[in-house]
Amino acid sequence: MHQTCCSLLPELSEQDMGRLAKIFQLLGDSKRLQLVIACLEKPQSVCCLSELAGMSQPLTSHHLRSLREAKILKSSRQGKQVLYELDDHHIRHVILDLASHVQEPC
């Protein structure tokens, strides 16, 4: 059964296409995708994300910086900790829709 999308595709400039491609490139890395998925429900600390992804804190921070620069995640400071969460609801929809898609029977 075909469902209609929640919105029509807007006209994209070359710059928009480049930004969109960059987002897919960043999410194409399984470790970065794992970091984003870990932030779906609630903000996460770098320490927690590092442990979840099985990466060193410096490497985790490097990935998080890239995700933040692409506006996939955003950060906030809570005392001495930096917490990461999804930048907005669009990212949540992309992840959830694609996760549902890969679980559909062939």
Protein backbone atom coordinates (compact mmCIF):
# COMPACT_ATOMS: atom_id res chain seq x y z
CA MET A 1 0.00 0.00 0.00
CA HIS A 2 1.39 3.40 -0.95
CA GLN A 3 1.17 6.18 1.63
CA THR A 4 1.54 9.80 0.71
CA CYS A 5 4.39 11.73 2.21
CA CYS A 6 3.66 14.26 4.92
CA SER A 7 4.88 17.14 2.72
CA LEU A 8 5.89 17.87 -0.83
CA LEU A 9 9.55 18.10 -1.72
CA PRO A 10 10.58 21.75 -1.76
CA GLU A 11 12.64 23.14 -4.60
CA LEU A 12 16.29 22.62 -3.68
CA SER A 13 19.16 24.88 -4.68
CA GLU A 14 22.65 23.51 -5.39
CA GLN A 15 23.64 24.56 -1.87
CA ASP A 16 20.61 22.76 -0.42
CA MET A 17 21.47 19.62 -2.40
CA GLY A 18 25.01 19.74 -1.03
CA ARG A 19 23.76 20.06 2.56
CA LEU A 20 21.29 17.21 2.03
CA ALA A 21 24.01 14.98 0.58
CA LYS A 22 26.25 15.83 3.56
CA ILE A 23 23.52 14.74 6.00
CA PHE A 24 23.11 11.40 4.22
CA GLN A 25 26.89 11.00 4.15
CA LEU A 26 27.12 11.59 7.90
CA LEU A 27 24.24 9.22 8.64
CA GLY A 28 25.82 6.64 6.33
CA ASP A 29 28.47 5.90 8.94
CA SER A 30 27.15 3.24 11.34
CA LYS A 31 28.88 4.72 14.40
CA ARG A 32 27.49 8.22 13.75
CA LEU A 33 24.06 6.72 13.08
CA GLN A 34 24.33 4.87 16.38
CA LEU A 35 25.07 8.17 18.16
CA VAL A 36 22.03 9.82 16.57
CA ILE A 37 19.75 6.90 17.44
CA ALA A 38 20.98 7.02 21.04
CA CYS A 39 19.77 10.63 21.19
CA LEU A 40 16.26 9.90 19.85
CA GLU A 41 14.53 9.70 23.22
CA LYS A 42 16.52 11.95 25.53
CA PRO A 43 19.70 14.04 25.70
CA GLN A 44 22.86 12.01 26.22
CA SER A 45 26.26 12.90 27.64
CA VAL A 46 29.47 12.40 25.67
CA CYS A 47 30.56 9.83 28.23
CA CYS A 48 27.35 7.82 27.83
CA LEU A 49 27.46 8.07 24.02
CA SER A 50 31.09 6.99 23.99
CA GLU A 51 30.27 3.93 26.05
CA LEU A 52 27.19 3.06 23.95
CA ALA A 53 29.13 3.31 20.69
CA GLY A 54 32.25 1.59 22.03
CA MET A 55 34.50 4.49 20.99
CA SER A 56 36.98 6.66 22.81
CA GLN A 57 35.67 10.00 24.08
CA PRO A 58 37.89 12.01 21.68
CA LEU A 59 36.61 10.02 18.68
CA THR A 60 33.02 10.31 19.92
CA SER A 61 33.47 14.07 20.33
CA HIS A 62 34.83 14.30 16.78
CA HIS A 63 31.75 12.53 15.39
CA LEU A 64 29.43 14.64 17.55
CA ARG A 65 31.04 17.84 16.30
CA SER A 66 30.35 16.78 12.69
CA LEU A 67 26.74 15.91 13.54
CA ARG A 68 26.30 19.24 15.32
CA GLU A 69 27.78 21.22 12.42
CA ALA A 70 25.26 19.55 10.07
CA LYS A 71 22.41 20.46 12.46
CA ILE A 72 21.57 16.82 13.07
CA LEU A 73 22.34 17.10 16.80
CA LYS A 74 22.55 20.07 19.11
CA SER A 75 24.40 20.39 22.38
CA SER A 76 23.70 22.06 25.69
CA ARG A 77 25.69 22.35 28.86
CA GLN A 78 24.34 21.00 32.13
CA GLY A 79 26.88 21.75 34.82
CA LYS A 80 30.15 20.19 33.70
CA GLN A 81 28.47 17.85 31.22
CA VAL A 82 27.68 18.53 27.58
CA LEU A 83 24.47 16.84 26.50
CA TYR A 84 23.53 16.01 22.91
CA GLU A 85 20.03 15.68 21.51
CA LEU A 86 18.33 15.79 18.12
CA ASP A 87 18.41 19.24 16.59
CA ASP A 88 14.73 19.08 15.56
CA HIS A 89 11.80 16.77 14.80
CA HIS A 90 12.76 16.36 11.13
CA ILE A 91 15.75 14.19 12.03
CA ARG A 92 13.53 11.99 14.21
CA HIS A 93 11.14 11.45 11.29
CA VAL A 94 13.97 10.56 8.89
CA ILE A 95 15.47 8.00 11.27
CA LEU A 96 12.13 6.43 12.25
CA ASP A 97 10.84 6.31 8.66
CA LEU A 98 14.03 4.72 7.33
CA ALA A 99 14.16 2.25 10.25
CA SER A 100 10.59 1.19 9.40
CA HIS A 101 11.51 0.96 5.74
CA VAL A 102 14.42 -1.46 6.30
CA GLN A 103 12.17 -3.73 8.36
CA GLU A 104 9.53 -4.06 5.62
CA PRO A 105 9.43 -7.50 4.02
CA CYS A 106 11.03 -7.71 0.58
